[in-house]
């Protein structure tokens, strides 16, 4: 069973930075070569795609709300991905979830079968 464990969330002031980490474990070896990414969700709102990265390092980002401020990266030997968040705004407050796809490509459908438990990010104004 694949496990995704997020860390790095917390409370930060507007304009600050945070780095989220997600470590993958369990499952078969091939899982570690799959595309991985981040979603976020605010209670009462739909989940929002933030960013994704392939094993080879190709990345794609979410909407204008995070472009230019959030960057995803990957450390393959550590089976870990990161989300570097800069210039944080109060509207970035959400639970951030790490996800993993089935296969090496970033799914156009947005279907990620593996999800972490989430880590809370709170940005104060």
PDB file of N, CA and C in Angstrom:
ATOM      1  N   UNK A   1       0.840  -1.184   0.000  1.00  0.00           N
ATOM      2  CA  UNK A   1       0.000   0.000   0.000  1.00  0.00           C
ATOM      3  C   UNK A   1       0.883   1.244   0.000  1.00  0.00           C
ATOM      4  N   UNK A   2       0.616   2.120  -0.931  1.00  0.00           N
ATOM      5  CA  UNK A   2       1.397   3.349  -1.030  1.00  0.00           C
ATOM      6  C   UNK A   2       0.990   4.301   0.085  1.00  0.00           C
ATOM      7  N   UNK A   3       1.972   4.881   0.718  1.00  0.00           N
ATOM      8  CA  UNK A   3       1.713   5.897   1.737  1.00  0.00           C
ATOM      9  C   UNK A   3       2.401   7.185   1.343  1.00  0.00           C
ATOM     10  N   UNK A   4       1.656   8.266   1.469  1.00  0.00           N
ATOM     11  CA  UNK A   4       2.194   9.595   1.199  1.00  0.00           C
ATOM     12  C   UNK A   4       2.086  10.403   2.486  1.00  0.00           C
ATOM     13  N   UNK A   5       3.199  10.886   2.965  1.00  0.00           N
ATOM     14  CA  UNK A   5       3.219  11.602   4.243  1.00  0.00           C
ATOM     15  C   UNK A   5       3.718  13.020   4.009  1.00  0.00           C
ATOM     16  N   UNK A   6       2.823  13.976   4.274  1.00  0.00           N
ATOM     17  CA  UNK A   6       3.171  15.388   4.104  1.00  0.00           C
ATOM     18  C   UNK A   6       3.748  15.952   5.395  1.00  0.00           C
ATOM     19  N   UNK A   7       4.556  16.972   5.243  1.00  0.00           N
ATOM     20  CA  UNK A   7       5.074  17.714   6.394  1.00  0.00           C
ATOM     21  C   UNK A   7       5.424  19.124   5.949  1.00  0.00           C
ATOM     22  N   UNK A   8       5.597  20.000   6.933  1.00  0.00           N
ATOM     23  CA  UNK A   8       6.044  21.354   6.628  1.00  0.00           C
ATOM     24  C   UNK A   8       4.973  22.409   6.734  1.00  0.00           C
ATOM     25  N   UNK A   9       3.729  22.009   6.966  1.00  0.00           N
ATOM     26  CA  UNK A   9       2.678  23.006   7.105  1.00  0.00           C
ATOM     27  C   UNK A   9       2.816  23.772   8.406  1.00  0.00           C
ATOM     28  N   UNK A  10       2.020  24.816   8.522  1.00  0.00           N
ATOM     29  CA  UNK A  10       2.064  25.605   9.746  1.00  0.00           C
ATOM     30  C   UNK A  10       1.468  26.964   9.548  1.00  0.00           C
ATOM     31  N   UNK A  11       1.763  27.844  10.489  1.00  0.00           N
ATOM     32  CA  UNK A  11       1.262  29.212  10.476  1.00  0.00           C
ATOM     33  C   UNK A  11       2.368  30.148  10.011  1.00  0.00           C
ATOM     34  N   UNK A  12       2.047  31.007   9.076  1.00  0.00           N
ATOM     35  CA  UNK A  12       3.023  31.947   8.551  1.00  0.00           C
ATOM     36  C   UNK A  12       2.320  33.272   8.254  1.00  0.00           C
ATOM     37  N   UNK A  13       3.048  34.344   8.356  1.00  0.00           N
ATOM     38  CA  UNK A  13       2.484  35.648   8.042  1.00  0.00           C
ATOM     39  C   UNK A  13       2.432  35.871   6.540  1.00  0.00           C
ATOM     40  N   UNK A  14       1.505  36.695   6.137  1.00  0.00           N
ATOM     41  CA  UNK A  14       1.408  37.041   4.720  1.00  0.00           C
ATOM     42  C   UNK A  14       2.744  37.588   4.229  1.00  0.00           C
ATOM     43  N   UNK A  15       3.124  37.156   3.038  1.00  0.00           N
ATOM     44  CA  UNK A  15       4.406  37.543   2.472  1.00  0.00           C
ATOM     45  C   UNK A  15       5.522  36.582   2.773  1.00  0.00           C
ATOM     46  N   UNK A  16       5.262  35.659   3.681  1.00  0.00           N
ATOM     47  CA  UNK A  16       6.278  34.685   4.068  1.00  0.00           C
ATOM     48  C   UNK A  16       6.341  33.501   3.136  1.00  0.00           C
ATOM     49  N   UNK A  17       7.161  32.532   3.530  1.00  0.00           N
ATOM     50  CA  UNK A  17       7.390  31.345   2.708  1.00  0.00           C
ATOM     51  C   UNK A  17       7.287  30.081   3.540  1.00  0.00           C
ATOM     52  N   UNK A  18       6.942  29.005   2.880  1.00  0.00           N
ATOM     53  CA  UNK A  18       6.928  27.674   3.482  1.00  0.00           C
ATOM     54  C   UNK A  18       7.354  26.674   2.431  1.00  0.00           C
ATOM     55  N   UNK A  19       7.912  25.570   2.893  1.00  0.00           N
ATOM     56  CA  UNK A  19       8.223  24.463   1.997  1.00  0.00           C
ATOM     57  C   UNK A  19       7.522  23.223   2.540  1.00  0.00           C
ATOM     58  N   UNK A  20       6.637  22.669   1.741  1.00  0.00           N
ATOM     59  CA  UNK A  20       5.973  21.417   2.088  1.00  0.00           C
ATOM     60  C   UNK A  20       6.762  20.255   1.486  1.00  0.00           C
ATOM     61  N   UNK A  21       6.793  19.158   2.228  1.00  0.00           N
ATOM     62  CA  UNK A  21       7.448  17.941   1.755  1.00  0.00           C
ATOM     63  C   UNK A  21       6.444  16.807   1.746  1.00  0.00           C
ATOM     64  N   UNK A  22       6.670  15.853   0.852  1.00  0.00           N
ATOM     65  CA  UNK A  22       5.835  14.662   0.804  1.00  0.00           C
ATOM     66  C   UNK A  22       6.724  13.479   0.475  1.00  0.00           C
ATOM     67  N   UNK A  23       6.769  12.524   1.391  1.00  0.00           N
ATOM     68  CA  UNK A  23       7.576  11.329   1.203  1.00  0.00           C
ATOM     69  C   UNK A  23       6.679  10.147   0.888  1.00  0.00           C
ATOM     70  N   UNK A  24       7.038   9.410  -0.163  1.00  0.00           N
ATOM     71  CA  UNK A  24       6.292   8.227  -0.580  1.00  0.00           C
ATOM     72  C   UNK A  24       6.974   6.978  -0.053  1.00  0.00           C
ATOM     73  N   UNK A  25       6.165   6.034   0.393  1.00  0.00           N
ATOM     74  CA  UNK A  25       6.705   4.757   0.865  1.00  0.00           C
ATOM     75  C   UNK A  25       5.702   3.649   0.584  1.00  0.00           C
ATOM     76  N   UNK A  26       6.152   2.389   0.749  1.00  0.00           N
ATOM     77  CA  UNK A  26       5.267   1.261   0.518  1.00  0.00           C
ATOM     78  C   UNK A  26       5.039   1.035  -0.963  1.00  0.00           C
ATOM     79  N   UNK A  27       4.151   0.164  -1.299  1.00  0.00           N
ATOM     80  CA  UNK A  27       3.803  -0.088  -2.684  1.00  0.00           C
ATOM     81  C   UNK A  27       4.926  -0.759  -3.451  1.00  0.00           C
ATOM     82  N   UNK A  28       4.810  -0.752  -4.750  1.00  0.00           N
ATOM     83  CA  UNK A  28       5.810  -1.352  -5.611  1.00  0.00           C
ATOM     84  C   UNK A  28       6.811  -0.313  -6.064  1.00  0.00           C
ATOM     85  N   UNK A  29       7.930  -0.754  -6.516  1.00  0.00           N
ATOM     86  CA  UNK A  29       8.984   0.159  -6.927  1.00  0.00           C
ATOM     87  C   UNK A  29       8.483   1.137  -7.978  1.00  0.00           C
ATOM     88  N   UNK A  30       7.639   0.671  -8.890  1.00  0.00           N
ATOM     89  CA  UNK A  30       7.206   1.525  -9.995  1.00  0.00           C
ATOM     90  C   UNK A  30       6.460   2.760  -9.510  1.00  0.00           C
ATOM     91  N   UNK A  31       5.860   2.663  -8.333  1.00  0.00           N
ATOM     92  CA  UNK A  31       5.112   3.815  -7.821  1.00  0.00           C
ATOM     93  C   UNK A  31       6.005   5.017  -7.691  1.00  0.00           C
ATOM     94  N   UNK A  32       7.248   4.785  -7.354  1.00  0.00           N
ATOM     95  CA  UNK A  32       8.151   5.895  -7.107  1.00  0.00           C
ATOM     96  C   UNK A  32       8.555   6.613  -8.388  1.00  0.00           C
ATOM     97  N   UNK A  33       8.198   6.066  -9.532  1.00  0.00           N
ATOM     98  CA  UNK A  33       8.481   6.753 -10.782  1.00  0.00           C
ATOM     99  C   UNK A  33       7.231   7.426 -11.332  1.00  0.00           C
ATOM    100  N   UNK A  34       6.151   7.369 -10.581  1.00  0.00           N
ATOM    101  CA  UNK A  34       4.905   7.956 -11.050  1.00  0.00           C
ATOM    102  C   UNK A  34       4.885   9.460 -10.848  1.00  0.00           C
ATOM    103  N   UNK A  35       4.035  10.092 -11.599  1.00  0.00           N
ATOM    104  CA  UNK A  35       3.827  11.524 -11.408  1.00  0.00           C
ATOM    105  C   UNK A  35       3.236  11.772 -10.022  1.00  0.00           C
ATOM    106  N   UNK A  36       3.631  12.861  -9.422  1.00  0.00           N
ATOM    107  CA  UNK A  36       3.129  13.249  -8.112  1.00  0.00           C
ATOM    108  C   UNK A  36       2.795  14.722  -8.112  1.00  0.00           C
ATOM    109  N   UNK A  37       2.028  15.132  -7.129  1.00  0.00           N
ATOM    110  CA  UNK A  37       1.643  16.542  -7.125  1.00  0.00           C
ATOM    111  C   UNK A  37       1.004  16.984  -5.833  1.00  0.00           C
ATOM    112  N   UNK A  38       0.410  18.174  -5.919  1.00  0.00           N
ATOM    113  CA  UNK A  38      -0.237  18.783  -4.759  1.00  0.00           C
ATOM    114  C   UNK A  38      -1.606  19.342  -5.147  1.00  0.00           C
ATOM    115  N   UNK A  39      -2.567  19.125  -4.263  1.00  0.00           N
ATOM    116  CA  UNK A  39      -3.858  19.782  -4.314  1.00  0.00           C
ATOM    117  C   UNK A  39      -4.018  20.544  -3.000  1.00  0.00           C
ATOM    118  N   UNK A  40      -4.979  21.439  -2.983  1.00  0.00           N
ATOM    119  CA  UNK A  40      -5.343  22.092  -1.730  1.00  0.00           C
ATOM    120  C   UNK A  40      -6.846  22.222  -1.651  1.00  0.00           C
ATOM    121  N   UNK A  41      -7.334  22.324  -0.422  1.00  0.00           N
ATOM    122  CA  UNK A  41      -8.771  22.436  -0.237  1.00  0.00           C
ATOM    123  C   UNK A  41      -9.091  23.269   0.985  1.00  0.00           C
ATOM    124  N   UNK A  42     -10.033  24.159   0.798  1.00  0.00           N
ATOM    125  CA  UNK A  42     -10.594  24.969   1.878  1.00  0.00           C
ATOM    126  C   UNK A  42     -11.963  24.381   2.192  1.00  0.00           C
ATOM    127  N   UNK A  43     -12.301  24.224   3.465  1.00  0.00           N
ATOM    128  CA  UNK A  43     -13.622  23.677   3.813  1.00  0.00           C
ATOM    129  C   UNK A  43     -14.742  24.410   3.093  1.00  0.00           C
ATOM    130  N   UNK A  44     -15.631  23.624   2.489  1.00  0.00           N
ATOM    131  CA  UNK A  44     -16.764  24.204   1.793  1.00  0.00           C
ATOM    132  C   UNK A  44     -16.484  24.582   0.360  1.00  0.00           C
ATOM    133  N   UNK A  45     -15.235  24.406  -0.079  1.00  0.00           N
ATOM    134  CA  UNK A  45     -14.870  24.737  -1.458  1.00  0.00           C
ATOM    135  C   UNK A  45     -14.330  23.502  -2.170  1.00  0.00           C
ATOM    136  N   UNK A  46     -14.287  23.557  -3.477  1.00  0.00           N
ATOM    137  CA  UNK A  46     -13.764  22.447  -4.256  1.00  0.00           C
ATOM    138  C   UNK A  46     -12.262  22.344  -4.106  1.00  0.00           C
ATOM    139  N   UNK A  47     -11.771  21.120  -4.281  1.00  0.00           N
ATOM    140  CA  UNK A  47     -10.327  20.927  -4.300  1.00  0.00           C
ATOM    141  C   UNK A  47      -9.725  21.688  -5.477  1.00  0.00           C
ATOM    142  N   UNK A  48      -8.550  22.207  -5.250  1.00  0.00           N
ATOM    143  CA  UNK A  48      -7.870  22.987  -6.278  1.00  0.00           C
ATOM    144  C   UNK A  48      -6.523  22.341  -6.593  1.00  0.00           C
ATOM    145  N   UNK A  49      -6.277  22.084  -7.847  1.00  0.00           N
ATOM    146  CA  UNK A  49      -4.985  21.560  -8.286  1.00  0.00           C
ATOM    147  C   UNK A  49      -3.924  22.646  -8.134  1.00  0.00           C
ATOM    148  N   UNK A  50      -2.798  22.279  -7.537  1.00  0.00           N
ATOM    149  CA  UNK A  50      -1.739  23.255  -7.311  1.00  0.00           C
ATOM    150  C   UNK A  50      -0.583  23.053  -8.284  1.00  0.00           C
ATOM    151  N   UNK A  51      -0.046  21.849  -8.327  1.00  0.00           N
ATOM    152  CA  UNK A  51       1.103  21.585  -9.201  1.00  0.00           C
ATOM    153  C   UNK A  51       1.362  20.088  -9.251  1.00  0.00           C
ATOM    154  N   UNK A  52       2.082  19.661 -10.286  1.00  0.00           N
ATOM    155  CA  UNK A  52       2.469  18.261 -10.406  1.00  0.00           C
ATOM    156  C   UNK A  52       3.832  18.172 -11.071  1.00  0.00           C
ATOM    157  N   UNK A  53       4.489  17.032 -10.851  1.00  0.00           N
ATOM    158  CA  UNK A  53       5.828  16.830 -11.399  1.00  0.00           C
ATOM    159  C   UNK A  53       5.987  15.358 -11.790  1.00  0.00           C
ATOM    160  N   UNK A  54       6.628  15.114 -12.923  1.00  0.00           N
ATOM    161  CA  UNK A  54       6.916  13.747 -13.337  1.00  0.00           C
ATOM    162  C   UNK A  54       8.257  13.300 -12.766  1.00  0.00           C
ATOM    163  N   UNK A  55       8.535  12.031 -12.915  1.00  0.00           N
ATOM    164  CA  UNK A  55       9.797  11.494 -12.428  1.00  0.00           C
ATOM    165  C   UNK A  55      10.982  12.176 -13.111  1.00  0.00           C
ATOM    166  N   UNK A  56      10.810  12.537 -14.368  1.00  0.00           N
ATOM    167  CA  UNK A  56      11.887  13.176 -15.135  1.00  0.00           C
ATOM    168  C   UNK A  56      12.020  14.659 -14.850  1.00  0.00           C
ATOM    169  N   UNK A  57      11.072  15.206 -14.088  1.00  0.00           N
ATOM    170  CA  UNK A  57      11.196  16.599 -13.694  1.00  0.00           C
ATOM    171  C   UNK A  57      10.312  17.568 -14.451  1.00  0.00           C
ATOM    172  N   UNK A  58       9.494  17.062 -15.359  1.00  0.00           N
ATOM    173  CA  UNK A  58       8.540  17.953 -16.038  1.00  0.00           C
ATOM    174  C   UNK A  58       7.493  18.395 -15.032  1.00  0.00           C
ATOM    175  N   UNK A  59       7.190  19.695 -15.047  1.00  0.00           N
ATOM    176  CA  UNK A  59       6.233  20.217 -14.076  1.00  0.00           C
ATOM    177  C   UNK A  59       5.080  20.922 -14.757  1.00  0.00           C
ATOM    178  N   UNK A  60       3.980  20.958 -14.070  1.00  0.00           N
ATOM    179  CA  UNK A  60       2.841  21.747 -14.504  1.00  0.00           C
ATOM    180  C   UNK A  60       2.234  22.396 -13.276  1.00  0.00           C
ATOM    181  N   UNK A  61       1.758  23.606 -13.443  1.00  0.00           N
ATOM    182  CA  UNK A  61       1.219  24.343 -12.307  1.00  0.00           C
ATOM    183  C   UNK A  61      -0.269  24.572 -12.459  1.00  0.00           C
ATOM    184  N   UNK A  62      -0.864  24.930 -11.356  1.00  0.00           N
ATOM    185  CA  UNK A  62      -2.283  25.181 -11.333  1.00  0.00           C
ATOM    186  C   UNK A  62      -2.618  26.543 -11.920  1.00  0.00           C
ATOM    187  N   UNK A  63      -3.673  27.124 -11.400  1.00  0.00           N
ATOM    188  CA  UNK A  63      -4.170  28.354 -11.969  1.00  0.00           C
ATOM    189  C   UNK A  63      -3.357  29.577 -11.611  1.00  0.00           C
ATOM    190  N   UNK A  64      -3.860  30.710 -12.023  1.00  0.00           N
ATOM    191  CA  UNK A  64      -3.161  31.977 -11.809  1.00  0.00           C
ATOM    192  C   UNK A  64      -2.963  32.290 -10.334  1.00  0.00           C
ATOM    193  N   UNK A  65      -3.757  31.644  -9.497  1.00  0.00           N
ATOM    194  CA  UNK A  65      -3.665  31.953  -8.072  1.00  0.00           C
ATOM    195  C   UNK A  65      -2.315  31.570  -7.470  1.00  0.00           C
ATOM    196  N   UNK A  66      -1.612  30.615  -8.083  1.00  0.00           N
ATOM    197  CA  UNK A  66      -0.328  30.180  -7.523  1.00  0.00           C
ATOM    198  C   UNK A  66       0.845  30.388  -8.474  1.00  0.00           C
ATOM    199  N   UNK A  67       0.575  30.689  -9.712  1.00  0.00           N
ATOM    200  CA  UNK A  67       1.658  30.845 -10.686  1.00  0.00           C
ATOM    201  C   UNK A  67       2.596  31.968 -10.279  1.00  0.00           C
ATOM    202  N   UNK A  68       3.865  31.675 -10.433  1.00  0.00           N
ATOM    203  CA  UNK A  68       4.885  32.651 -10.092  1.00  0.00           C
ATOM    204  C   UNK A  68       5.232  32.692  -8.615  1.00  0.00           C
ATOM    205  N   UNK A  69       4.454  32.012  -7.799  1.00  0.00           N
ATOM    206  CA  UNK A  69       4.710  32.017  -6.356  1.00  0.00           C
ATOM    207  C   UNK A  69       5.034  30.629  -5.821  1.00  0.00           C
ATOM    208  N   UNK A  70       4.439  29.602  -6.407  1.00  0.00           N
ATOM    209  CA  UNK A  70       4.635  28.230  -5.940  1.00  0.00           C
ATOM    210  C   UNK A  70       5.454  27.457  -6.973  1.00  0.00           C
ATOM    211  N   UNK A  71       6.382  26.638  -6.482  1.00  0.00           N
ATOM    212  CA  UNK A  71       7.210  25.814  -7.351  1.00  0.00           C
ATOM    213  C   UNK A  71       7.265  24.405  -6.791  1.00  0.00           C
ATOM    214  N   UNK A  72       7.078  23.428  -7.663  1.00  0.00           N
ATOM    215  CA  UNK A  72       7.164  22.039  -7.242  1.00  0.00           C
ATOM    216  C   UNK A  72       8.504  21.471  -7.672  1.00  0.00           C
ATOM    217  N   UNK A  73       9.052  20.607  -6.839  1.00  0.00           N
ATOM    218  CA  UNK A  73      10.312  19.945  -7.180  1.00  0.00           C
ATOM    219  C   UNK A  73      10.276  18.515  -6.665  1.00  0.00           C
ATOM    220  N   UNK A  74      11.290  17.745  -7.079  1.00  0.00           N
ATOM    221  CA  UNK A  74      11.273  16.318  -6.747  1.00  0.00           C
ATOM    222  C   UNK A  74      12.690  15.837  -6.488  1.00  0.00           C
ATOM    223  N   UNK A  75      12.835  15.008  -5.476  1.00  0.00           N
ATOM    224  CA  UNK A  75      14.113  14.352  -5.167  1.00  0.00           C
ATOM    225  C   UNK A  75      13.881  12.854  -5.299  1.00  0.00           C
ATOM    226  N   UNK A  76      14.206  12.317  -6.459  1.00  0.00           N
ATOM    227  CA  UNK A  76      13.878  10.924  -6.741  1.00  0.00           C
ATOM    228  C   UNK A  76      14.554   9.927  -5.802  1.00  0.00           C
ATOM    229  N   UNK A  77      15.833  10.062  -5.497  1.00  0.00           N
ATOM    230  CA  UNK A  77      16.447   9.090  -4.571  1.00  0.00           C
ATOM    231  C   UNK A  77      15.763   9.052  -3.213  1.00  0.00           C
ATOM    232  N   UNK A  78      15.141  10.150  -2.821  1.00  0.00           N
ATOM    233  CA  UNK A  78      14.456  10.203  -1.530  1.00  0.00           C
ATOM    234  C   UNK A  78      12.956   9.930  -1.647  1.00  0.00           C
ATOM    235  N   UNK A  79      12.490   9.669  -2.863  1.00  0.00           N
ATOM    236  CA  UNK A  79      11.046   9.453  -3.090  1.00  0.00           C
ATOM    237  C   UNK A  79      10.221  10.573  -2.471  1.00  0.00           C
ATOM    238  N   UNK A  80      10.676  11.785  -2.659  1.00  0.00           N
ATOM    239  CA  UNK A  80      10.070  12.940  -1.999  1.00  0.00           C
ATOM    240  C   UNK A  80       9.834  14.061  -3.006  1.00  0.00           C
ATOM    241  N   UNK A  81       8.697  14.711  -2.853  1.00  0.00           N
ATOM    242  CA  UNK A  81       8.455  15.929  -3.616  1.00  0.00           C
ATOM    243  C   UNK A  81       8.294  17.090  -2.639  1.00  0.00           C
ATOM    244  N   UNK A  82       8.449  18.280  -3.201  1.00  0.00           N
ATOM    245  CA  UNK A  82       8.387  19.494  -2.387  1.00  0.00           C
ATOM    246  C   UNK A  82       7.491  20.517  -3.062  1.00  0.00           C
ATOM    247  N   UNK A  83       6.915  21.380  -2.239  1.00  0.00           N
ATOM    248  CA  UNK A  83       6.189  22.530  -2.761  1.00  0.00           C
ATOM    249  C   UNK A  83       6.766  23.765  -2.084  1.00  0.00           C
ATOM    250  N   UNK A  84       7.453  24.575  -2.873  1.00  0.00           N
ATOM    251  CA  UNK A  84       8.049  25.795  -2.366  1.00  0.00           C
ATOM    252  C   UNK A  84       7.025  26.909  -2.553  1.00  0.00           C
ATOM    253  N   UNK A  85       6.594  27.479  -1.459  1.00  0.00           N
ATOM    254  CA  UNK A  85       5.547  28.489  -1.501  1.00  0.00           C
ATOM    255  C   UNK A  85       6.122  29.822  -1.031  1.00  0.00           C
ATOM    256  N   UNK A  86       6.067  30.802  -1.904  1.00  0.00           N
ATOM    257  CA  UNK A  86       6.587  32.130  -1.601  1.00  0.00           C
ATOM    258  C   UNK A  86       5.477  33.169  -1.695  1.00  0.00           C
ATOM    259  N   UNK A  87       5.744  34.329  -1.113  1.00  0.00           N
ATOM    260  CA  UNK A  87       4.778  35.448  -1.164  1.00  0.00           C
ATOM    261  C   UNK A  87       3.384  34.969  -0.784  1.00  0.00           C
ATOM    262  N   UNK A  88       3.304  34.259   0.310  1.00  0.00           N
ATOM    263  CA  UNK A  88       2.038  33.659   0.716  1.00  0.00           C
ATOM    264  C   UNK A  88       1.001  34.715   1.043  1.00  0.00           C
ATOM    265  N   UNK A  89      -0.248  34.386   0.721  1.00  0.00           N
ATOM    266  CA  UNK A  89      -1.374  35.275   0.947  1.00  0.00           C
ATOM    267  C   UNK A  89      -2.382  34.574   1.852  1.00  0.00           C
ATOM    268  N   UNK A  90      -3.213  35.332   2.532  1.00  0.00           N
ATOM    269  CA  UNK A  90      -4.241  34.692   3.383  1.00  0.00           C
ATOM    270  C   UNK A  90      -5.116  33.715   2.601  1.00  0.00           C
ATOM    271  N   UNK A  91      -5.343  33.999   1.324  1.00  0.00           N
ATOM    272  CA  UNK A  91      -6.183  33.099   0.532  1.00  0.00           C
ATOM    273  C   UNK A  91      -5.487  31.785   0.185  1.00  0.00           C
ATOM    274  N   UNK A  92      -4.219  31.651   0.528  1.00  0.00           N
ATOM    275  CA  UNK A  92      -3.525  30.374   0.358  1.00  0.00           C
ATOM    276  C   UNK A  92      -3.804  29.429   1.526  1.00  0.00           C
ATOM    277  N   UNK A  93      -4.478  29.936   2.528  1.00  0.00           N
ATOM    278  CA  UNK A  93      -4.819  29.103   3.677  1.00  0.00           C
ATOM    279  C   UNK A  93      -5.694  27.936   3.230  1.00  0.00           C
ATOM    280  N   UNK A  94      -5.250  26.717   3.536  1.00  0.00           N
ATOM    281  CA  UNK A  94      -5.947  25.512   3.089  1.00  0.00           C
ATOM    282  C   UNK A  94      -5.242  24.296   3.669  1.00  0.00           C
ATOM    283  N   UNK A  95      -5.862  23.144   3.493  1.00  0.00           N
ATOM    284  CA  UNK A  95      -5.181  21.872   3.726  1.00  0.00           C
ATOM    285  C   UNK A  95      -4.555  21.461   2.403  1.00  0.00           C
ATOM    286  N   UNK A  96      -3.288  21.191   2.444  1.00  0.00           N
ATOM    287  CA  UNK A  96      -2.547  20.812   1.240  1.00  0.00           C
ATOM    288  C   UNK A  96      -2.332  19.302   1.242  1.00  0.00           C
ATOM    289  N   UNK A  97      -2.712  18.672   0.121  1.00  0.00           N
ATOM    290  CA  UNK A  97      -2.631  17.227  -0.007  1.00  0.00           C
ATOM    291  C   UNK A  97      -1.592  16.848  -1.053  1.00  0.00           C
ATOM    292  N   UNK A  98      -0.795  15.866  -0.699  1.00  0.00           N
ATOM    293  CA  UNK A  98       0.124  15.263  -1.649  1.00  0.00           C
ATOM    294  C   UNK A  98      -0.598  14.129  -2.368  1.00  0.00           C
ATOM    295  N   UNK A  99      -0.351  13.999  -3.675  1.00  0.00           N
ATOM    296  CA  UNK A  99      -1.014  12.970  -4.463  1.00  0.00           C
ATOM    297  C   UNK A  99      -0.010  12.268  -5.360  1.00  0.00           C
ATOM    298  N   UNK A 100      -0.355  11.036  -5.724  1.00  0.00           N
ATOM    299  CA  UNK A 100       0.457  10.287  -6.673  1.00  0.00           C
ATOM    300  C   UNK A 100      -0.450   9.654  -7.713  1.00  0.00           C
ATOM    301  N   UNK A 101       0.026   9.680  -8.945  1.00  0.00           N
ATOM    302  CA  UNK A 101      -0.737   9.132 -10.059  1.00  0.00           C
ATOM    303  C   UNK A 101      -0.392   7.668 -10.293  1.00  0.00           C
ATOM    304  N   UNK A 102      -1.121   7.057 -11.193  1.00  0.00           N
ATOM    305  CA  UNK A 102      -0.783   5.722 -11.679  1.00  0.00           C
ATOM    306  C   UNK A 102      -0.136   5.916 -13.037  1.00  0.00           C
ATOM    307  N   UNK A 103       1.157   5.755 -13.100  1.00  0.00           N
ATOM    308  CA  UNK A 103       1.854   5.982 -14.343  1.00  0.00           C
ATOM    309  C   UNK A 103       2.774   7.184 -14.268  1.00  0.00           C
ATOM    310  N   UNK A 104       3.611   7.280 -15.266  1.00  0.00           N
ATOM    311  CA  UNK A 104       4.651   8.314 -15.264  1.00  0.00           C
ATOM    312  C   UNK A 104       4.141   9.684 -15.679  1.00  0.00           C
ATOM    313  N   UNK A 105       3.045   9.719 -16.411  1.00  0.00           N
ATOM    314  CA  UNK A 105       2.552  10.991 -16.940  1.00  0.00           C
ATOM    315  C   UNK A 105       1.613  11.682 -15.961  1.00  0.00           C
ATOM    316  N   UNK A 106       1.590  12.996 -16.052  1.00  0.00           N
ATOM    317  CA  UNK A 106       0.649  13.772 -15.252  1.00  0.00           C
ATOM    318  C   UNK A 106      -0.737  13.568 -15.852  1.00  0.00           C
ATOM    319  N   UNK A 107      -1.678  13.059 -15.084  1.00  0.00           N
ATOM    320  CA  UNK A 107      -2.992  12.747 -15.659  1.00  0.00           C
ATOM    321  C   UNK A 107      -3.774  13.991 -16.040  1.00  0.00           C
ATOM    322  N   UNK A 108      -4.174  14.049 -17.297  1.00  0.00           N
ATOM    323  CA  UNK A 108      -4.968  15.180 -17.750  1.00  0.00           C
ATOM    324  C   UNK A 108      -6.331  15.207 -17.080  1.00  0.00           C
ATOM    325  N   UNK A 109      -6.786  14.033 -16.666  1.00  0.00           N
ATOM    326  CA  UNK A 109      -8.081  13.953 -16.000  1.00  0.00           C
ATOM    327  C   UNK A 109      -8.028  14.473 -14.579  1.00  0.00           C
ATOM    328  N   UNK A 110      -6.810  14.640 -14.061  1.00  0.00           N
ATOM    329  CA  UNK A 110      -6.693  15.049 -12.672  1.00  0.00           C
ATOM    330  C   UNK A 110      -6.969  13.933 -11.698  1.00  0.00           C
ATOM    331  N   UNK A 111      -6.954  12.697 -12.179  1.00  0.00           N
ATOM    332  CA  UNK A 111      -7.266  11.552 -11.337  1.00  0.00           C
ATOM    333  C   UNK A 111      -6.001  11.010 -10.689  1.00  0.00           C
ATOM    334  N   UNK A 112      -5.909  11.182  -9.414  1.00  0.00           N
ATOM    335  CA  UNK A 112      -4.791  10.678  -8.626  1.00  0.00           C
ATOM    336  C   UNK A 112      -5.349   9.717  -7.582  1.00  0.00           C
ATOM    337  N   UNK A 113      -5.041   8.435  -7.675  1.00  0.00           N
ATOM    338  CA  UNK A 113      -5.626   7.473  -6.746  1.00  0.00           C
ATOM    339  C   UNK A 113      -5.000   7.462  -5.358  1.00  0.00           C
ATOM    340  N   UNK A 114      -3.812   8.020  -5.242  1.00  0.00           N
ATOM    341  CA  UNK A 114      -3.126   7.993  -3.950  1.00  0.00           C
ATOM    342  C   UNK A 114      -3.095   9.397  -3.358  1.00  0.00           C
ATOM    343  N   UNK A 115      -3.531   9.488  -2.097  1.00  0.00           N
ATOM    344  CA  UNK A 115      -3.600  10.781  -1.416  1.00  0.00           C
ATOM    345  C   UNK A 115      -2.978  10.668  -0.036  1.00  0.00           C
ATOM    346  N   UNK A 116      -2.309  11.736   0.379  1.00  0.00           N
ATOM    347  CA  UNK A 116      -1.832  11.816   1.742  1.00  0.00           C
ATOM    348  C   UNK A 116      -2.931  12.312   2.665  1.00  0.00           C
ATOM    349  N   UNK A 117      -2.596  12.451   3.933  1.00  0.00           N
ATOM    350  CA  UNK A 117      -3.570  12.885   4.935  1.00  0.00           C
ATOM    351  C   UNK A 117      -3.762  14.394   4.923  1.00  0.00           C
ATOM    352  N   UNK A 118      -2.829  15.100   4.354  1.00  0.00           N
ATOM    353  CA  UNK A 118      -2.948  16.550   4.279  1.00  0.00           C
ATOM    354  C   UNK A 118      -2.183  17.253   5.388  1.00  0.00           C
ATOM    355  N   UNK A 119      -1.760  18.459   5.082  1.00  0.00           N
ATOM    356  CA  UNK A 119      -1.086  19.294   6.076  1.00  0.00           C
ATOM    357  C   UNK A 119      -1.678  20.703   6.001  1.00  0.00           C
ATOM    358  N   UNK A 120      -1.968  21.269   7.149  1.00  0.00           N
ATOM    359  CA  UNK A 120      -2.633  22.575   7.208  1.00  0.00           C
ATOM    360  C   UNK A 120      -1.615  23.695   7.012  1.00  0.00           C
ATOM    361  N   UNK A 121      -1.963  24.604   6.133  1.00  0.00           N
ATOM    362  CA  UNK A 121      -1.197  25.834   5.960  1.00  0.00           C
ATOM    363  C   UNK A 121      -2.129  26.996   6.280  1.00  0.00           C
ATOM    364  N   UNK A 122      -1.716  27.828   7.194  1.00  0.00           N
ATOM    365  CA  UNK A 122      -2.505  28.990   7.586  1.00  0.00           C
ATOM    366  C   UNK A 122      -1.660  30.241   7.409  1.00  0.00           C
ATOM    367  N   UNK A 123      -2.184  31.180   6.633  1.00  0.00           N
ATOM    368  CA  UNK A 123      -1.473  32.427   6.371  1.00  0.00           C
ATOM    369  C   UNK A 123      -2.240  33.562   7.029  1.00  0.00           C
ATOM    370  N   UNK A 124      -1.609  34.221   7.962  1.00  0.00           N
ATOM    371  CA  UNK A 124      -2.256  35.312   8.677  1.00  0.00           C
ATOM    372  C   UNK A 124      -1.990  36.636   7.979  1.00  0.00           C
ATOM    373  N   UNK A 125      -2.960  37.517   8.068  1.00  0.00           N
ATOM    374  CA  UNK A 125      -2.826  38.823   7.405  1.00  0.00           C
ATOM    375  C   UNK A 125      -2.163  39.841   8.319  1.00  0.00           C
TER     376      UNK A 125
END
